[in-house]
Amino acid sequence: MTLAKEDRLPFWTKLIYGTGDWSIASYGTLRQVFYAIFLTDVVGLEPRLASVAALVGIIWDAINDPIVGVLSDRMKSRWGRRRPFLLFFAIPFGLGFMLLWYAPPFEGQIAKALFVTLAFMISDTLQTLVVVPFSALTPELTQDYDERTSLIGFRMFFNLVVSLVAAVAAPAIVDGVLANGGTQQQGFMLTAAIFGGLAILPFLLIFAVVREKPLSAANVVREIPFLQTVKTAWSNIPFRFATLLYMLNWITFDLVALVLPFYLVYWISSGDLLAKATVLGVSLPIESAVFAVLLITAVIALPIWLFVSKKLSKKSAYIVGMVFWAGVQLVIFSIQPGQVSMILLMSFFAGISVSSAHILPDSIFPDVIEWDELRTGRRQEGIYYGVKNFIRKLTGALAIFIGLQVLGWFGYQSPPEGATSFTQSPQTLTAIRFLLGPFGAILLFSAVAMAWFYPLTRERHARIRKLLLRRKERTKTDEE
């Protein structure tokens, strides 16, 4: 199908819209990688209680994500449906990000858990109010199968770059604060202030530059009860497969990101809390070194996956990437303590697959919008991206819950304040390795199964586009 003129996006539109993932990844990466250790070692919560506090916050997600999606679908303003949310909630989102990293001065475990839960809910709500409308712009900006993949490529470039910067910089910032007589809490708050402040700017820039396309009369969202809207979305069969694929994909990434620091410090470095690794002649904390190799590789590999998905298809490229990643995770399970060079090599191979895990599920998801439009006659990006955003945050909460529950049940002990070395029990180390290796591979193979049965191919999507075009032409003729 020839690319329609209205589906061709200028380079600068793609670039500026892509910066929104700088904001999303600032929030997501720091929470994925460091929030579990922050809760146990800085807030002082027992691992199992910390996991419950994070999971309880997700109950509010079940309410606010779809609601914000419906609100953005029904929003009427001179700026469009999505952009007003970016203008009014960008700054509160940045401030809420800092709240997530505040350790309350309470002694009791229950009081600490309640504060963490409330902070999680407030921060999450403010994130929802910008991320859902921002994400819902993706299928609106272009309806072309491959152009959407290109647009997602720009988003994932910024996503991976800030993931790299955050994963490498956060330990360095905290260490720098400690070296100057500060505390870990002050280090995390400074990190949150820097990345939270920078996260505000892209959303304001997108509001100022990116323009929404006006809806045709046939696509205006009619007032429909909320539960009926959700029921209609779930009856969308491609949406079910895309949602399950998305969930399995990101819970794997979140769980690997959460467990990896524990694995590197307590298994590879044998409990040396100040362990270093050298990358290209630069000595870094071992966590920073591994994430640097992984994420730099992921950024470089983005064009490769764009090329493969265009030559084959999105789901075929995704299957190849996930099978390769599952193999890497199984190899990581076999690495022994002290094999730093080996873990850096595996980080390189994992980065190749992580790149496909970032770009392809997000480029698959928008195609379900046209399937729904063909069935219902409405474009409901908001509700679909509300559910998608809920799933994304659900994976993070589940990763925290699973990871911390397992660590708690298998005897994880927080190191004493000021300690430079600390060892965990053999049972704890085995649990850490299992979560990272075999369990991660099982989740990835499950995602491959969802991709295998996903029904929307490039050809089917093109046929849907043709049917929608004919319908719009008939509607236009009737209006005339």
Protein backbone atom coordinates (compact mmCIF):
# COMPACT_ATOMS: atom_id res chain seq x y z
CA MET A 1 0.00 0.00 0.00
CA THR A 2 1.44 3.38 -1.04
CA LEU A 3 2.18 5.68 1.85
CA ALA A 4 -0.47 8.40 1.92
CA LYS A 5 0.68 11.99 2.09
CA GLU A 6 -1.00 12.57 5.46
CA ASP A 7 0.89 9.60 6.92
CA ARG A 8 4.34 10.96 6.05
CA LEU A 9 5.76 12.55 9.16
CA PRO A 10 8.49 15.20 8.96
CA PHE A 11 11.78 14.33 10.60
CA TRP A 12 11.44 17.12 13.16
CA THR A 13 7.95 15.96 14.19
CA LYS A 14 9.29 12.47 14.83
CA LEU A 15 12.30 13.82 16.69
CA ILE A 16 10.37 16.18 18.97
CA TYR A 17 7.60 13.67 19.66
CA GLY A 18 10.26 11.06 20.42
CA THR A 19 11.67 13.20 23.23
CA GLY A 20 8.59 12.33 25.28
CA ASP A 21 10.18 8.97 25.99
CA TRP A 22 13.05 10.80 27.67
CA SER A 23 10.51 11.73 30.34
CA ILE A 24 8.93 8.29 30.49
CA ALA A 25 12.27 6.50 30.76
CA SER A 26 13.57 8.91 33.42
CA TYR A 27 10.72 7.75 35.64
CA GLY A 28 10.76 4.12 34.55
CA THR A 29 14.47 3.30 34.56
CA LEU A 30 15.20 4.66 38.01
CA ARG A 31 12.18 2.83 39.42
CA GLN A 32 12.98 -0.41 37.60
CA VAL A 33 16.62 -0.58 38.61
CA PHE A 34 16.98 1.19 41.94
CA TYR A 35 13.58 1.42 43.67
CA ALA A 36 13.73 -2.05 45.25
CA ILE A 37 17.15 -1.37 46.82
CA PHE A 38 15.95 2.11 47.84
CA LEU A 39 12.98 0.62 49.70
CA THR A 40 15.02 -2.01 51.54
CA ASP A 41 18.29 -0.19 52.21
CA VAL A 42 17.28 3.50 52.45
CA VAL A 43 13.63 3.48 53.59
CA GLY A 44 14.39 0.39 55.69
CA LEU A 45 11.40 -1.72 54.72
CA GLU A 46 11.50 -5.50 55.06
CA PRO A 47 11.58 -6.91 51.48
CA ARG A 48 8.21 -8.68 51.61
CA LEU A 49 6.46 -5.68 53.16
CA ALA A 50 8.09 -3.40 50.59
CA SER A 51 6.77 -5.59 47.78
CA VAL A 52 3.23 -5.42 49.16
CA ALA A 53 3.42 -1.62 49.47
CA ALA A 54 4.42 -1.31 45.81
CA LEU A 55 1.75 -3.78 44.66
CA VAL A 56 -1.06 -2.06 46.59
CA GLY A 57 -0.28 1.13 44.70
CA ILE A 58 -1.10 -0.65 41.46
CA ILE A 59 -4.73 -1.12 42.55
CA TRP A 60 -5.18 2.60 41.98
CA ASP A 61 -3.68 2.07 38.52
CA ALA A 62 -6.58 -0.22 37.67
CA ILE A 63 -8.82 2.82 38.09
CA ASN A 64 -6.85 5.85 36.92
CA ASP A 65 -5.30 4.64 33.65
CA PRO A 66 -8.49 3.74 31.74
CA ILE A 67 -10.26 6.77 33.23
CA VAL A 68 -7.58 9.17 32.00
CA GLY A 69 -7.72 7.40 28.63
CA VAL A 70 -11.47 7.98 28.34
CA LEU A 71 -11.11 11.59 29.53
CA SER A 72 -8.52 12.30 26.83
CA ASP A 73 -10.74 10.66 24.20
CA ARG A 74 -13.59 12.99 25.19
CA MET A 75 -11.54 16.14 25.79
CA LYS A 76 -12.59 19.10 23.67
CA SER A 77 -10.32 22.13 23.54
CA ARG A 78 -8.73 24.49 21.05
CA TRP A 79 -5.48 22.57 21.58
CA GLY A 80 -6.99 19.19 20.79
CA ARG A 81 -7.74 16.15 22.93
CA ARG A 82 -4.27 15.12 24.18
CA ARG A 83 -2.07 18.22 24.33
CA PRO A 84 -3.88 20.03 27.20
CA PHE A 85 -2.85 17.21 29.54
CA LEU A 86 0.81 17.74 28.61
CA LEU A 87 0.57 21.48 29.32
CA PHE A 88 -1.15 21.31 32.69
CA PHE A 89 0.39 18.20 34.23
CA ALA A 90 4.03 18.23 33.03
CA ILE A 91 5.30 20.19 36.05
CA PRO A 92 3.25 18.25 38.67
CA PHE A 93 4.58 15.05 37.07
CA GLY A 94 8.17 16.17 37.69
CA LEU A 95 7.42 17.10 41.30
CA GLY A 96 5.61 13.81 41.90
CA PHE A 97 8.68 11.99 40.62
CA MET A 98 10.68 13.44 43.51
CA LEU A 99 8.05 12.36 46.06
CA LEU A 100 8.66 8.74 45.06
CA TRP A 101 12.24 8.95 46.37
CA TYR A 102 11.59 10.49 49.77
CA ALA A 103 12.38 8.27 52.78
CA PRO A 104 9.97 9.16 55.63
CA PRO A 105 11.49 9.64 59.13
CA PHE A 106 9.18 7.04 60.68
CA GLU A 107 10.32 4.19 62.91
CA GLY A 108 7.46 1.73 62.44
CA GLN A 109 7.39 -0.59 59.44
CA ILE A 110 3.64 -0.12 58.90
CA ALA A 111 3.92 3.68 58.91
CA LYS A 112 6.75 3.51 56.39
CA ALA A 113 4.77 1.12 54.19
CA LEU A 114 1.69 3.37 54.26
CA PHE A 115 3.74 6.42 53.28
CA VAL A 116 5.45 4.55 50.42
CA THR A 117 2.08 3.33 49.15
CA LEU A 118 0.57 6.84 49.22
CA ALA A 119 3.63 8.37 47.52
CA PHE A 120 3.52 5.65 44.87
CA MET A 121 -0.17 6.36 44.17
CA ILE A 122 0.29 10.14 43.91
CA SER A 123 3.36 9.86 41.69
CA ASP A 124 1.69 7.25 39.51
CA THR A 125 -1.47 9.33 39.03
CA LEU A 126 0.53 12.34 37.87
CA GLN A 127 2.50 10.13 35.50
CA THR A 128 -0.75 8.73 34.06
CA LEU A 129 -2.08 12.22 33.33
CA VAL A 130 0.78 12.90 30.90
CA VAL A 131 1.84 9.46 29.63
CA VAL A 132 -1.57 8.19 28.48
CA PRO A 133 -2.41 11.29 26.35
CA PHE A 134 1.18 11.39 25.03
CA SER A 135 1.09 7.72 24.02
CA ALA A 136 -2.36 8.06 22.46
CA LEU A 137 -0.87 10.52 19.96
CA THR A 138 1.17 7.73 18.32
CA PRO A 139 -1.61 6.13 16.25
CA GLU A 140 -3.11 9.57 15.56
CA LEU A 141 0.05 11.01 14.02
CA THR A 142 0.26 8.27 11.37
CA GLN A 143 -1.79 5.23 10.43
CA ASP A 144 0.85 3.63 8.22
CA TYR A 145 2.18 0.21 9.32
CA ASP A 146 5.89 0.93 8.75
CA GLU A 147 5.79 4.67 9.48
CA ARG A 148 4.55 3.82 12.97
CA THR A 149 7.57 1.59 13.48
CA SER A 150 9.79 4.50 12.42
CA LEU A 151 8.01 6.83 14.86
CA ILE A 152 8.43 4.32 17.67
CA GLY A 153 12.09 4.08 16.68
CA PHE A 154 12.57 7.76 17.50
CA ARG A 155 10.78 7.28 20.82
CA MET A 156 12.87 4.27 21.74
CA PHE A 157 16.08 6.08 20.83
CA PHE A 158 15.38 8.64 23.55
CA ASN A 159 14.07 5.91 25.84
CA LEU A 160 17.27 3.89 25.62
CA VAL A 161 19.56 6.92 25.79
CA VAL A 162 18.04 8.21 29.03
CA SER A 163 17.90 4.65 30.39
CA LEU A 164 21.64 4.52 29.78
CA VAL A 165 22.26 7.93 31.34
CA ALA A 166 20.08 7.19 34.38
CA ALA A 167 21.46 3.69 35.01
CA VAL A 168 25.06 4.92 34.80
CA ALA A 169 24.64 8.33 36.47
CA ALA A 170 22.45 7.41 39.44
CA PRO A 171 25.08 5.28 41.27
CA ALA A 172 27.72 7.93 40.51
CA ILE A 173 25.51 10.72 41.92
CA VAL A 174 24.74 8.76 45.09
CA ASP A 175 28.42 7.84 45.54
CA GLY A 176 29.39 11.49 45.01
CA VAL A 177 26.98 12.65 47.71
CA LEU A 178 28.29 10.00 50.11
CA ALA A 179 31.89 11.00 49.37
CA ASN A 180 31.06 14.58 50.38
CA GLY A 181 29.53 13.62 53.71
CA GLY A 182 25.92 13.25 52.57
CA THR A 183 23.52 10.32 52.89
CA GLN A 184 22.05 7.83 50.43
CA GLN A 185 18.67 9.56 50.87
CA GLN A 186 20.18 12.89 49.80
CA GLY A 187 21.84 11.16 46.85
CA PHE A 188 18.59 9.64 45.64
CA MET A 189 16.70 12.92 46.12
CA LEU A 190 19.31 14.79 44.09
CA THR A 191 19.06 12.15 41.36
CA ALA A 192 15.25 12.46 41.36
CA ALA A 193 15.43 16.27 41.23
CA ILE A 194 17.78 16.21 38.23
CA PHE A 195 15.90 13.64 36.19
CA GLY A 196 12.44 14.78 37.35
CA GLY A 197 13.22 18.38 36.37
CA LEU A 198 14.52 17.38 32.95
CA ALA A 199 11.45 15.16 32.43
CA ILE A 200 9.18 18.21 32.45
CA LEU A 201 10.71 19.86 29.38
CA PRO A 202 9.88 17.34 26.60
CA PHE A 203 6.15 17.34 27.35
CA LEU A 204 6.02 21.15 27.22
CA LEU A 205 7.99 21.08 23.95
CA ILE A 206 5.62 18.52 22.42
CA PHE A 207 2.64 20.64 23.43
CA ALA A 208 4.18 23.65 21.70
CA VAL A 209 5.27 21.94 18.47
CA VAL A 210 3.30 18.77 17.69
CA ARG A 211 -0.19 19.22 16.26
CA GLU A 212 -3.08 16.79 16.52
CA LYS A 213 -5.08 15.84 13.45
CA PRO A 214 -8.75 16.84 13.62
CA LEU A 215 -11.25 13.99 13.80
CA SER A 216 -13.68 13.44 10.97
CA ALA A 217 -17.37 13.38 11.77
CA ALA A 218 -17.31 9.58 11.57
CA ASN A 219 -14.60 9.31 14.20
CA VAL A 220 -15.91 11.71 16.85
CA VAL A 221 -16.07 9.84 20.14
CA ARG A 222 -19.65 9.50 21.29
CA GLU A 223 -20.50 9.45 24.99
CA ILE A 224 -20.49 5.76 25.92
CA PRO A 225 -20.56 4.32 29.46
CA PHE A 226 -17.09 3.61 30.79
CA LEU A 227 -17.61 -0.11 31.45
CA GLN A 228 -19.05 -0.61 27.97
CA THR A 229 -15.97 1.07 26.51
CA VAL A 230 -13.66 -1.28 28.42
CA LYS A 231 -15.74 -4.29 27.38
CA THR A 232 -15.54 -3.21 23.74
CA ALA A 233 -11.77 -2.85 23.99
CA TRP A 234 -11.36 -6.33 25.47
CA SER A 235 -13.49 -7.86 22.68
CA ASN A 236 -10.78 -6.65 20.26
CA ILE A 237 -8.91 -9.94 19.66
CA PRO A 238 -5.63 -8.43 18.34
CA PHE A 239 -5.67 -6.14 21.38
CA ARG A 240 -5.73 -9.18 23.70
CA PHE A 241 -2.67 -10.71 22.05
CA ALA A 242 -0.84 -7.36 21.89
CA THR A 243 -1.61 -6.72 25.57
CA LEU A 244 -0.39 -10.12 26.76
CA LEU A 245 2.72 -9.81 24.59
CA TYR A 246 3.37 -6.33 25.97
CA MET A 247 2.91 -7.48 29.56
CA LEU A 248 5.22 -10.51 29.26
CA ASN A 249 7.83 -8.45 27.40
CA TRP A 250 8.04 -5.71 30.02
CA ILE A 251 7.73 -7.83 33.14
CA THR A 252 10.79 -9.70 31.86
CA PHE A 253 12.72 -6.48 31.30
CA ASP A 254 11.62 -5.00 34.64
CA LEU A 255 12.48 -8.16 36.56
CA VAL A 256 15.89 -8.48 34.92
CA ALA A 257 16.62 -4.79 35.64
CA LEU A 258 15.55 -5.19 39.27
CA VAL A 259 17.47 -8.41 39.99
CA LEU A 260 20.61 -7.54 37.99
CA PRO A 261 22.19 -5.22 40.63
CA PHE A 262 21.73 -7.91 43.31
CA TYR A 263 23.23 -10.51 40.94
CA LEU A 264 26.23 -8.35 40.08
CA VAL A 265 27.08 -7.36 43.64
CA TYR A 266 26.35 -10.56 45.54
CA TRP A 267 27.12 -13.24 42.91
CA ILE A 268 29.61 -11.87 40.38
CA SER A 269 31.43 -9.62 42.90
CA SER A 270 31.04 -12.05 45.85
CA GLY A 271 29.52 -9.36 48.08
CA ASP A 272 31.93 -6.51 47.36
CA LEU A 273 29.56 -3.53 47.59
CA LEU A 274 32.12 -1.21 45.98
CA ALA A 275 33.06 -3.55 43.11
CA LYS A 276 34.30 -1.89 39.92
CA ALA A 277 34.52 -2.94 36.28
CA THR A 278 36.50 -1.37 33.46
CA VAL A 279 34.84 -0.48 30.15
CA LEU A 280 37.01 1.05 27.41
CA GLY A 281 39.59 2.04 30.02
CA VAL A 282 37.05 3.70 32.31
CA SER A 283 36.56 2.28 35.82
CA LEU A 284 32.88 2.27 36.84
CA PRO A 285 30.71 0.68 39.54
CA ILE A 286 29.99 -2.80 38.19
CA GLU A 287 26.25 -2.03 37.89
CA SER A 288 26.98 1.10 35.85
CA ALA A 289 29.44 -0.78 33.62
CA VAL A 290 27.00 -3.58 32.79
CA PHE A 291 24.09 -1.24 32.11
CA ALA A 292 26.33 0.97 30.00
CA VAL A 293 27.35 -1.93 27.74
CA LEU A 294 23.79 -3.25 27.54
CA LEU A 295 22.08 0.05 26.75
CA ILE A 296 24.73 1.46 24.39
CA THR A 297 24.40 -1.75 22.38
CA ALA A 298 20.60 -1.43 22.46
CA VAL A 299 20.75 2.11 21.04
CA ILE A 300 23.15 1.07 18.26
CA ALA A 301 20.96 -1.94 17.38
CA LEU A 302 17.77 0.11 16.87
CA PRO A 303 18.27 0.66 13.10
CA ILE A 304 18.94 -3.06 12.67
CA TRP A 305 15.57 -4.01 14.10
CA LEU A 306 13.81 -1.30 12.06
CA PHE A 307 15.38 -2.84 8.94
CA VAL A 308 14.51 -6.42 9.93
CA SER A 309 10.90 -5.56 10.78
CA LYS A 310 10.45 -3.82 7.45
CA LYS A 311 11.94 -6.74 5.50
CA LEU A 312 10.08 -9.44 7.42
CA SER A 313 7.36 -8.17 9.76
CA LYS A 314 7.11 -6.75 13.25
CA LYS A 315 6.14 -10.02 14.88
CA SER A 316 8.75 -12.10 13.00
CA ALA A 317 11.51 -9.70 14.02
CA TYR A 318 10.24 -9.76 17.59
CA ILE A 319 10.24 -13.56 17.76
CA VAL A 320 13.86 -13.68 16.56
CA GLY A 321 14.93 -11.09 19.13
CA MET A 322 13.20 -12.75 22.08
CA VAL A 323 14.46 -16.27 21.33
CA PHE A 324 18.00 -14.85 21.19
CA TRP A 325 17.50 -12.98 24.48
CA ALA A 326 16.16 -16.12 26.22
CA GLY A 327 19.34 -17.94 25.21
CA VAL A 328 21.45 -15.13 26.67
CA GLN A 329 19.60 -15.30 30.00
CA LEU A 330 20.23 -19.05 30.24
CA VAL A 331 23.95 -18.47 29.64
CA ILE A 332 24.00 -15.79 32.35
CA PHE A 333 22.68 -18.38 34.83
CA SER A 334 25.85 -20.44 34.25
CA ILE A 335 28.37 -17.60 34.81
CA GLN A 336 30.51 -18.02 37.93
CA PRO A 337 31.72 -15.45 40.51
CA GLY A 338 34.58 -13.27 39.30
CA GLN A 339 33.81 -13.71 35.58
CA VAL A 340 33.38 -9.99 34.97
CA SER A 341 34.50 -10.13 31.33
CA MET A 342 31.93 -12.84 30.64
CA ILE A 343 29.05 -10.85 32.13
CA LEU A 344 30.10 -7.80 30.10
CA LEU A 345 30.06 -9.94 26.93
CA MET A 346 26.60 -11.27 27.78
CA SER A 347 25.46 -7.69 28.43
CA PHE A 348 26.47 -6.87 24.86
CA PHE A 349 24.42 -9.76 23.45
CA ALA A 350 21.49 -8.95 25.74
CA GLY A 351 21.58 -5.34 24.50
CA ILE A 352 20.91 -6.50 20.94
CA SER A 353 17.71 -8.22 22.06
CA VAL A 354 16.68 -5.52 24.55
CA SER A 355 16.61 -3.14 21.58
CA SER A 356 13.95 -5.27 19.86
CA ALA A 357 12.04 -5.59 23.15
CA HIS A 358 11.83 -1.79 23.34
CA ILE A 359 10.80 -0.95 19.79
CA LEU A 360 8.66 -3.80 18.44
CA PRO A 361 5.90 -4.27 21.08
CA ASP A 362 5.25 -0.51 21.01
CA SER A 363 5.07 -0.50 17.20
CA ILE A 364 2.73 -3.53 17.16
CA PHE A 365 0.27 -2.02 19.61
CA PRO A 366 -1.05 0.96 17.56
CA ASP A 367 -2.32 -1.33 14.78
CA VAL A 368 -5.14 -2.58 17.01
CA ILE A 369 -6.71 0.91 16.85
CA GLU A 370 -7.74 0.49 13.19
CA TRP A 371 -9.18 -2.97 13.91
CA ASP A 372 -11.34 -1.38 16.61
CA GLU A 373 -12.29 1.53 14.36
CA LEU A 374 -13.44 -0.87 11.65
CA ARG A 375 -15.65 -2.68 14.18
CA THR A 376 -17.07 0.27 16.12
CA GLY A 377 -16.74 3.27 13.83
CA ARG A 378 -14.88 5.18 16.56
CA ARG A 379 -11.24 5.99 17.26
CA GLN A 380 -10.61 5.35 20.95
CA GLU A 381 -6.86 5.71 21.32
CA GLY A 382 -7.22 7.04 24.85
CA ILE A 383 -8.88 3.96 26.34
CA TYR A 384 -6.45 1.61 24.58
CA TYR A 385 -3.42 3.56 25.68
CA GLY A 386 -4.88 3.90 29.16
CA VAL A 387 -4.97 0.11 29.38
CA LYS A 388 -1.49 -0.08 27.81
CA ASN A 389 -0.09 2.38 30.34
CA PHE A 390 -1.73 0.39 33.13
CA ILE A 391 -0.09 -2.80 31.84
CA ARG A 392 3.30 -1.07 31.67
CA LYS A 393 3.09 0.05 35.28
CA LEU A 394 1.60 -3.28 36.34
CA THR A 395 4.70 -5.04 35.02
CA GLY A 396 6.91 -2.77 37.11
CA ALA A 397 4.85 -3.40 40.25
CA LEU A 398 4.74 -7.16 39.60
CA ALA A 399 8.50 -7.23 39.05
CA ILE A 400 9.06 -5.45 42.37
CA PHE A 401 6.56 -7.75 44.10
CA ILE A 402 7.97 -10.99 42.67
CA GLY A 403 11.60 -9.99 43.10
CA LEU A 404 11.31 -8.74 46.68
CA GLN A 405 8.99 -11.55 47.77
CA VAL A 406 11.45 -14.16 46.51
CA LEU A 407 14.41 -12.37 48.12
CA GLY A 408 12.51 -12.11 51.40
CA TRP A 409 11.43 -15.75 51.44
CA PHE A 410 14.96 -16.94 50.61
CA GLY A 411 16.57 -14.96 53.40
CA TYR A 412 17.90 -11.76 51.82
CA GLN A 413 19.61 -9.55 54.41
CA SER A 414 20.26 -5.82 53.99
CA PRO A 415 23.93 -4.93 54.60
CA PRO A 416 24.69 -2.90 57.76
CA GLU A 417 24.98 0.86 57.30
CA GLY A 418 28.50 1.77 56.20
CA ALA A 419 29.46 -1.79 55.19
CA THR A 420 31.71 -2.23 52.13
CA SER A 421 31.25 -5.98 51.82
CA PHE A 422 28.46 -8.36 52.71
CA THR A 423 27.58 -11.93 51.72
CA GLN A 424 24.20 -13.52 51.20
CA SER A 425 23.26 -17.12 51.95
CA PRO A 426 23.61 -19.81 49.22
CA GLN A 427 19.81 -20.07 49.08
CA THR A 428 19.48 -16.33 48.42
CA LEU A 429 22.13 -16.44 45.69
CA THR A 430 20.41 -19.37 43.97
CA ALA A 431 17.09 -17.51 44.05
CA ILE A 432 18.71 -14.41 42.51
CA ARG A 433 20.30 -16.47 39.72
CA PHE A 434 17.06 -18.36 39.01
CA LEU A 435 15.02 -15.14 38.71
CA LEU A 436 17.54 -13.68 36.28
CA GLY A 437 18.16 -16.82 34.20
CA PRO A 438 15.60 -19.64 33.80
CA PHE A 439 12.57 -17.66 35.03
CA GLY A 440 13.39 -14.78 32.69
CA ALA A 441 13.74 -17.23 29.78
CA ILE A 442 10.33 -18.78 30.55
CA LEU A 443 8.69 -15.34 30.42
CA LEU A 444 10.41 -14.56 27.11
CA PHE A 445 9.28 -17.81 25.47
CA SER A 446 5.74 -17.00 26.65
CA ALA A 447 5.99 -13.62 24.89
CA VAL A 448 7.16 -15.44 21.75
CA ALA A 449 4.01 -17.60 21.87
CA MET A 450 1.81 -14.48 22.03
CA ALA A 451 3.66 -12.97 19.06
CA TRP A 452 3.33 -16.20 17.07
CA PHE A 453 -0.47 -16.12 17.31
CA TYR A 454 -0.87 -12.33 16.93
CA PRO A 455 -3.32 -12.01 13.99
CA LEU A 456 -2.51 -8.59 12.49
CA THR A 457 0.04 -8.94 9.69
CA ARG A 458 1.18 -6.12 7.42
CA GLU A 459 -1.20 -7.39 4.70
CA ARG A 460 -4.22 -7.60 7.00
CA HIS A 461 -3.55 -4.14 8.37
CA ALA A 462 -3.35 -2.78 4.82
CA ARG A 463 -6.76 -4.32 4.01
CA ILE A 464 -8.26 -2.74 7.13
CA ARG A 465 -6.86 0.64 6.07
CA LYS A 466 -8.48 0.26 2.63
CA LEU A 467 -11.87 -0.60 4.16
CA LEU A 468 -11.65 2.39 6.49
CA LEU A 469 -10.74 4.66 3.59
CA ARG A 470 -13.78 3.50 1.64
CA ARG A 471 -15.99 4.10 4.67
CA LYS A 472 -14.63 7.64 5.10
CA GLU A 473 -15.20 8.36 1.42
CA ARG A 474 -18.82 7.18 1.68
CA THR A 475 -19.32 9.32 4.81
CA LYS A 476 -17.89 12.35 3.04
CA THR A 477 -20.19 11.77 0.07
CA ASP A 478 -23.22 11.46 2.37
CA GLU A 479 -22.27 14.69 4.13
CA GLU A 480 -22.07 16.52 0.83
